Amino acid sequence: MSTPLPVADVPNNQVTLAGTTYSIQPLGEDEFTVLVAGVPVGRIVYTFGAGNGVPEGDAISEEALTAIADAWFTATAT
């Protein structure tokens, strides 16, 4: 299964994937909570040079969260 490419909007702390906008809220330097309409659906973490997604429940897949992580960490790397 192929996940569509997400689009990161860093100034607004959001990533859009397949028509859904996910809010990105910092937890630490390289760890963020991912929310949909204010409800946490998972976390994204940057470790060992790669973005990783950790779902919390069944609202989103690990594959989709990892795609969100890749888009977010690529967009914020400067």
C-alpha atoms as a PDB file:
ATOM      1  CA  MET A   1       0.000   0.000   0.000  1.00  0.00           C
ATOM      2  CA  SER A   2       1.359   3.389  -0.957  1.00  0.00           C
ATOM      3  CA  THR A   3       0.828   6.420   1.275  1.00  0.00           C
ATOM      4  CA  PRO A   4       0.251   9.762  -0.509  1.00  0.00           C
ATOM      5  CA  LEU A   5       2.889  12.428   0.024  1.00  0.00           C
ATOM      6  CA  PRO A   6       2.205  14.732   2.972  1.00  0.00           C
ATOM      7  CA  VAL A   7       2.683  18.497   2.835  1.00  0.00           C
ATOM      8  CA  ALA A   8       4.275  20.208   5.853  1.00  0.00           C
ATOM      9  CA  ASP A   9       3.181  23.714   6.889  1.00  0.00           C
ATOM     10  CA  VAL A  10       5.815  24.586   9.488  1.00  0.00           C
ATOM     11  CA  PRO A  11       4.627  28.142  10.330  1.00  0.00           C
ATOM     12  CA  ASN A  12       1.206  26.732  11.274  1.00  0.00           C
ATOM     13  CA  ASN A  13       2.563  23.524  12.898  1.00  0.00           C
ATOM     14  CA  GLN A  14       0.555  21.317  10.536  1.00  0.00           C
ATOM     15  CA  VAL A  15       0.988  18.496   8.063  1.00  0.00           C
ATOM     16  CA  THR A  16      -1.709  17.635   5.513  1.00  0.00           C
ATOM     17  CA  LEU A  17      -1.973  14.052   4.300  1.00  0.00           C
ATOM     18  CA  ALA A  18      -4.727  12.639   2.079  1.00  0.00           C
ATOM     19  CA  GLY A  19      -7.060  15.556   2.816  1.00  0.00           C
ATOM     20  CA  THR A  20      -6.624  15.437   6.619  1.00  0.00           C
ATOM     21  CA  THR A  21      -4.774  18.176   8.468  1.00  0.00           C
ATOM     22  CA  TYR A  22      -2.696  17.017  11.418  1.00  0.00           C
ATOM     23  CA  SER A  23      -1.535  19.462  14.079  1.00  0.00           C
ATOM     24  CA  ILE A  24       2.013  18.989  15.296  1.00  0.00           C
ATOM     25  CA  GLN A  25       2.669  19.813  18.969  1.00  0.00           C
ATOM     26  CA  PRO A  26       6.195  19.670  20.417  1.00  0.00           C
ATOM     27  CA  LEU A  27       6.953  17.372  23.346  1.00  0.00           C
ATOM     28  CA  GLY A  28      10.722  17.721  23.233  1.00  0.00           C
ATOM     29  CA  GLU A  29      13.521  18.615  20.866  1.00  0.00           C
ATOM     30  CA  ASP A  30      12.892  15.719  18.471  1.00  0.00           C
ATOM     31  CA  GLU A  31       9.508  14.394  19.638  1.00  0.00           C
ATOM     32  CA  PHE A  32       6.049  15.670  18.723  1.00  0.00           C
ATOM     33  CA  THR A  33       2.424  14.714  19.326  1.00  0.00           C
ATOM     34  CA  VAL A  34       0.233  14.460  16.223  1.00  0.00           C
ATOM     35  CA  LEU A  35      -3.374  15.581  16.675  1.00  0.00           C
ATOM     36  CA  VAL A  36      -6.529  15.572  14.561  1.00  0.00           C
ATOM     37  CA  ALA A  37      -9.144  18.115  15.668  1.00  0.00           C
ATOM     38  CA  GLY A  38      -7.378  18.362  19.036  1.00  0.00           C
ATOM     39  CA  VAL A  39      -7.311  14.593  19.651  1.00  0.00           C
ATOM     40  CA  PRO A  40      -3.887  12.886  19.847  1.00  0.00           C
ATOM     41  CA  VAL A  41      -3.500  10.087  17.299  1.00  0.00           C
ATOM     42  CA  GLY A  42       0.218   9.375  17.650  1.00  0.00           C
ATOM     43  CA  ARG A  43       3.734  10.670  18.031  1.00  0.00           C
ATOM     44  CA  ILE A  44       6.554  11.391  15.645  1.00  0.00           C
ATOM     45  CA  VAL A  45      10.159  11.046  16.756  1.00  0.00           C
ATOM     46  CA  TYR A  46      13.449  11.786  15.040  1.00  0.00           C
ATOM     47  CA  THR A  47      16.010   9.124  16.004  1.00  0.00           C
ATOM     48  CA  PHE A  48      19.185   7.856  14.381  1.00  0.00           C
ATOM     49  CA  GLY A  49      18.743  10.147  11.377  1.00  0.00           C
ATOM     50  CA  ALA A  50      15.175   9.133  10.482  1.00  0.00           C
ATOM     51  CA  GLY A  51      11.624  10.135  11.299  1.00  0.00           C
ATOM     52  CA  ASN A  52       9.504   7.459  12.962  1.00  0.00           C
ATOM     53  CA  GLY A  53       5.778   7.320  13.644  1.00  0.00           C
ATOM     54  CA  VAL A  54       4.183   5.726  16.700  1.00  0.00           C
ATOM     55  CA  PRO A  55       0.380   5.389  16.507  1.00  0.00           C
ATOM     56  CA  GLU A  56      -1.740   5.654  19.635  1.00  0.00           C
ATOM     57  CA  GLY A  57      -4.847   3.661  18.774  1.00  0.00           C
ATOM     58  CA  ASP A  58      -6.364   2.822  15.406  1.00  0.00           C
ATOM     59  CA  ALA A  59      -6.988   6.330  14.036  1.00  0.00           C
ATOM     60  CA  ILE A  60      -3.853   6.332  11.837  1.00  0.00           C
ATOM     61  CA  SER A  61      -1.363   3.755  10.599  1.00  0.00           C
ATOM     62  CA  GLU A  62       2.324   3.616  11.460  1.00  0.00           C
ATOM     63  CA  GLU A  63       3.076   4.026   7.744  1.00  0.00           C
ATOM     64  CA  ALA A  64       1.080   7.273   7.560  1.00  0.00           C
ATOM     65  CA  LEU A  65       2.668   8.635  10.746  1.00  0.00           C
ATOM     66  CA  THR A  66       6.125   7.821   9.439  1.00  0.00           C
ATOM     67  CA  ALA A  67       5.306   9.712   6.219  1.00  0.00           C
ATOM     68  CA  ILE A  68       4.154  12.675   8.354  1.00  0.00           C
ATOM     69  CA  ALA A  69       7.375  12.413  10.385  1.00  0.00           C
ATOM     70  CA  ASP A  70       9.530  12.398   7.258  1.00  0.00           C
ATOM     71  CA  ALA A  71       7.737  15.454   5.863  1.00  0.00           C
ATOM     72  CA  TRP A  72       7.896  17.334   9.168  1.00  0.00           C
ATOM     73  CA  PHE A  73      11.537  16.651   9.955  1.00  0.00           C
ATOM     74  CA  THR A  74      12.608  17.356   6.366  1.00  0.00           C
ATOM     75  CA  ALA A  75      10.761  20.686   6.404  1.00  0.00           C
ATOM     76  CA  THR A  76      12.170  21.722   9.778  1.00  0.00           C
ATOM     77  CA  ALA A  77      15.790  20.725   9.085  1.00  0.00           C
ATOM     78  CA  THR A  78      17.794  23.886   8.560  1.00  0.00           C
END
